[in-house]
């Protein structure tokens, strides 16, 4: 599968613009959330973008991937840093599947009683 990431990003920006024009409060809320994530300044922009990409991988959001891949590059992230962040995402996602598998088993057993 080959994805036109730059095209996807361009289309998303147009769609975001239409949504913002139709309901400006949504865009204001998104900007507020974005600013709230950086309010303490403890993490630099590059680290925040790498975290965003790891989360985007686990939530399977192609538009988030496109937006934050561009942001990570602009913030100076390297491919090696991204690969390490993605390694954490993969490990955690597998761990989450393991944890929730135990929940499924518990629920299944409880329903059978």
C-alpha atoms as a PDB file:
ATOM      1  CA  UNK A   1       0.000   0.000   0.000  1.00  0.00           C
ATOM      2  CA  UNK A   2       1.305   3.398  -0.916  1.00  0.00           C
ATOM      3  CA  UNK A   3      -0.187   6.471   0.705  1.00  0.00           C
ATOM      4  CA  UNK A   4       0.196   9.975  -0.681  1.00  0.00           C
ATOM      5  CA  UNK A   5       0.965  11.506   2.723  1.00  0.00           C
ATOM      6  CA  UNK A   6       1.488  15.028   1.409  1.00  0.00           C
ATOM      7  CA  UNK A   7      -1.766  14.860  -0.534  1.00  0.00           C
ATOM      8  CA  UNK A   8      -3.586  13.473   2.499  1.00  0.00           C
ATOM      9  CA  UNK A   9      -2.224  16.333   4.603  1.00  0.00           C
ATOM     10  CA  UNK A  10      -3.290  18.921   2.021  1.00  0.00           C
ATOM     11  CA  UNK A  11      -6.787  17.445   1.785  1.00  0.00           C
ATOM     12  CA  UNK A  12      -7.054  17.320   5.573  1.00  0.00           C
ATOM     13  CA  UNK A  13      -6.061  20.976   5.881  1.00  0.00           C
ATOM     14  CA  UNK A  14      -8.806  21.919   3.398  1.00  0.00           C
ATOM     15  CA  UNK A  15     -11.327  19.807   5.292  1.00  0.00           C
ATOM     16  CA  UNK A  16     -10.217  21.313   8.610  1.00  0.00           C
ATOM     17  CA  UNK A  17     -10.639  24.775   7.105  1.00  0.00           C
ATOM     18  CA  UNK A  18     -14.184  23.993   6.002  1.00  0.00           C
ATOM     19  CA  UNK A  19     -15.024  22.609   9.445  1.00  0.00           C
ATOM     20  CA  UNK A  20     -13.500  25.657  11.151  1.00  0.00           C
ATOM     21  CA  UNK A  21     -15.412  28.002   8.871  1.00  0.00           C
ATOM     22  CA  UNK A  22     -18.667  26.175   9.546  1.00  0.00           C
ATOM     23  CA  UNK A  23     -18.102  26.011  13.312  1.00  0.00           C
ATOM     24  CA  UNK A  24     -15.248  28.244  14.525  1.00  0.00           C
ATOM     25  CA  UNK A  25     -15.733  27.078  18.121  1.00  0.00           C
ATOM     26  CA  UNK A  26     -14.450  23.615  17.152  1.00  0.00           C
ATOM     27  CA  UNK A  27     -11.177  25.095  15.905  1.00  0.00           C
ATOM     28  CA  UNK A  28     -10.883  27.257  19.015  1.00  0.00           C
ATOM     29  CA  UNK A  29     -11.346  24.167  21.183  1.00  0.00           C
ATOM     30  CA  UNK A  30      -8.707  22.213  19.266  1.00  0.00           C
ATOM     31  CA  UNK A  31      -6.226  25.090  19.623  1.00  0.00           C
ATOM     32  CA  UNK A  32      -7.002  25.279  23.343  1.00  0.00           C
ATOM     33  CA  UNK A  33      -6.355  21.549  23.765  1.00  0.00           C
ATOM     34  CA  UNK A  34      -3.131  21.814  21.779  1.00  0.00           C
ATOM     35  CA  UNK A  35      -1.884  24.705  23.917  1.00  0.00           C
ATOM     36  CA  UNK A  36      -2.889  22.908  27.123  1.00  0.00           C
ATOM     37  CA  UNK A  37      -0.616  20.011  26.199  1.00  0.00           C
ATOM     38  CA  UNK A  38       2.393  22.315  26.210  1.00  0.00           C
ATOM     39  CA  UNK A  39       1.427  24.617  29.084  1.00  0.00           C
ATOM     40  CA  UNK A  40       4.243  23.568  31.414  1.00  0.00           C
ATOM     41  CA  UNK A  41       6.994  23.664  28.816  1.00  0.00           C
ATOM     42  CA  UNK A  42       8.650  20.573  30.316  1.00  0.00           C
ATOM     43  CA  UNK A  43       8.751  18.839  26.923  1.00  0.00           C
ATOM     44  CA  UNK A  44      10.132  20.390  23.789  1.00  0.00           C
ATOM     45  CA  UNK A  45       8.173  20.450  20.533  1.00  0.00           C
ATOM     46  CA  UNK A  46      10.145  17.550  19.069  1.00  0.00           C
ATOM     47  CA  UNK A  47       9.351  15.280  22.015  1.00  0.00           C
ATOM     48  CA  UNK A  48       5.667  16.225  21.898  1.00  0.00           C
ATOM     49  CA  UNK A  49       5.541  15.462  18.165  1.00  0.00           C
ATOM     50  CA  UNK A  50       7.240  12.087  18.680  1.00  0.00           C
ATOM     51  CA  UNK A  51       4.704  11.249  21.390  1.00  0.00           C
ATOM     52  CA  UNK A  52       1.903  12.359  19.062  1.00  0.00           C
ATOM     53  CA  UNK A  53       3.201  10.030  16.351  1.00  0.00           C
ATOM     54  CA  UNK A  54       3.418   7.094  18.756  1.00  0.00           C
ATOM     55  CA  UNK A  55      -0.158   7.765  19.858  1.00  0.00           C
ATOM     56  CA  UNK A  56      -1.279   8.194  16.231  1.00  0.00           C
ATOM     57  CA  UNK A  57       0.159   4.769  15.440  1.00  0.00           C
ATOM     58  CA  UNK A  58      -1.778   3.160  18.282  1.00  0.00           C
ATOM     59  CA  UNK A  59      -5.026   4.983  17.445  1.00  0.00           C
ATOM     60  CA  UNK A  60      -4.573   4.287  13.714  1.00  0.00           C
ATOM     61  CA  UNK A  61      -5.246   7.862  12.605  1.00  0.00           C
ATOM     62  CA  UNK A  62      -3.736   8.515   9.163  1.00  0.00           C
ATOM     63  CA  UNK A  63      -4.471  12.241   9.288  1.00  0.00           C
ATOM     64  CA  UNK A  64      -2.798  12.495  12.716  1.00  0.00           C
ATOM     65  CA  UNK A  65       0.187  10.637  11.266  1.00  0.00           C
ATOM     66  CA  UNK A  66       0.467  13.088   8.363  1.00  0.00           C
ATOM     67  CA  UNK A  67       0.055  16.197  10.543  1.00  0.00           C
ATOM     68  CA  UNK A  68       2.523  15.085  13.194  1.00  0.00           C
ATOM     69  CA  UNK A  69       5.081  13.587  10.788  1.00  0.00           C
ATOM     70  CA  UNK A  70       5.387  17.051   9.258  1.00  0.00           C
ATOM     71  CA  UNK A  71       5.480  18.612  12.735  1.00  0.00           C
ATOM     72  CA  UNK A  72       8.163  16.188  13.908  1.00  0.00           C
ATOM     73  CA  UNK A  73      10.352  16.946  10.898  1.00  0.00           C
ATOM     74  CA  UNK A  74       9.894  20.683  11.420  1.00  0.00           C
ATOM     75  CA  UNK A  75      10.811  20.239  15.106  1.00  0.00           C
ATOM     76  CA  UNK A  76      14.053  18.472  14.149  1.00  0.00           C
ATOM     77  CA  UNK A  77      13.156  14.847  14.898  1.00  0.00           C
ATOM     78  CA  UNK A  78      15.359  12.222  13.306  1.00  0.00           C
ATOM     79  CA  UNK A  79      14.324   8.933  11.787  1.00  0.00           C
ATOM     80  CA  UNK A  80      16.190   7.114  14.553  1.00  0.00           C
ATOM     81  CA  UNK A  81      14.260   9.015  17.253  1.00  0.00           C
ATOM     82  CA  UNK A  82      10.996   8.209  15.498  1.00  0.00           C
ATOM     83  CA  UNK A  83      11.869   4.518  15.262  1.00  0.00           C
ATOM     84  CA  UNK A  84      12.545   4.440  19.002  1.00  0.00           C
ATOM     85  CA  UNK A  85       9.259   6.198  19.785  1.00  0.00           C
ATOM     86  CA  UNK A  86       7.404   3.779  17.522  1.00  0.00           C
ATOM     87  CA  UNK A  87       9.102   0.872  19.282  1.00  0.00           C
ATOM     88  CA  UNK A  88       7.613   2.098  22.543  1.00  0.00           C
ATOM     89  CA  UNK A  89       4.179   2.411  20.893  1.00  0.00           C
ATOM     90  CA  UNK A  90       4.349  -1.137  19.550  1.00  0.00           C
ATOM     91  CA  UNK A  91       5.453  -2.544  22.895  1.00  0.00           C
ATOM     92  CA  UNK A  92       2.758  -0.666  24.788  1.00  0.00           C
ATOM     93  CA  UNK A  93       0.031  -1.553  22.319  1.00  0.00           C
ATOM     94  CA  UNK A  94       0.965  -5.224  22.586  1.00  0.00           C
ATOM     95  CA  UNK A  95       0.954  -4.849  26.368  1.00  0.00           C
ATOM     96  CA  UNK A  96      -2.471  -3.222  26.272  1.00  0.00           C
ATOM     97  CA  UNK A  97      -3.795  -6.100  24.174  1.00  0.00           C
ATOM     98  CA  UNK A  98      -2.386  -8.497  26.754  1.00  0.00           C
ATOM     99  CA  UNK A  99      -4.008  -6.612  29.652  1.00  0.00           C
ATOM    100  CA  UNK A 100      -7.367  -6.337  27.900  1.00  0.00           C
ATOM    101  CA  UNK A 101      -7.207  -9.987  26.910  1.00  0.00           C
ATOM    102  CA  UNK A 102      -7.164 -10.766  30.635  1.00  0.00           C
ATOM    103  CA  UNK A 103     -10.243  -8.510  31.025  1.00  0.00           C
ATOM    104  CA  UNK A 104     -12.003 -10.381  28.212  1.00  0.00           C
ATOM    105  CA  UNK A 105     -11.217 -13.712  29.822  1.00  0.00           C
ATOM    106  CA  UNK A 106     -12.446 -12.443  33.198  1.00  0.00           C
ATOM    107  CA  UNK A 107     -15.693 -11.124  31.663  1.00  0.00           C
ATOM    108  CA  UNK A 108     -16.237 -14.376  29.771  1.00  0.00           C
ATOM    109  CA  UNK A 109     -15.700 -16.416  32.930  1.00  0.00           C
ATOM    110  CA  UNK A 110     -17.989 -14.120  34.975  1.00  0.00           C
ATOM    111  CA  UNK A 111     -20.793 -14.372  32.414  1.00  0.00           C
ATOM    112  CA  UNK A 112     -20.596 -18.145  32.513  1.00  0.00           C
ATOM    113  CA  UNK A 113     -21.216 -18.342  36.263  1.00  0.00           C
END
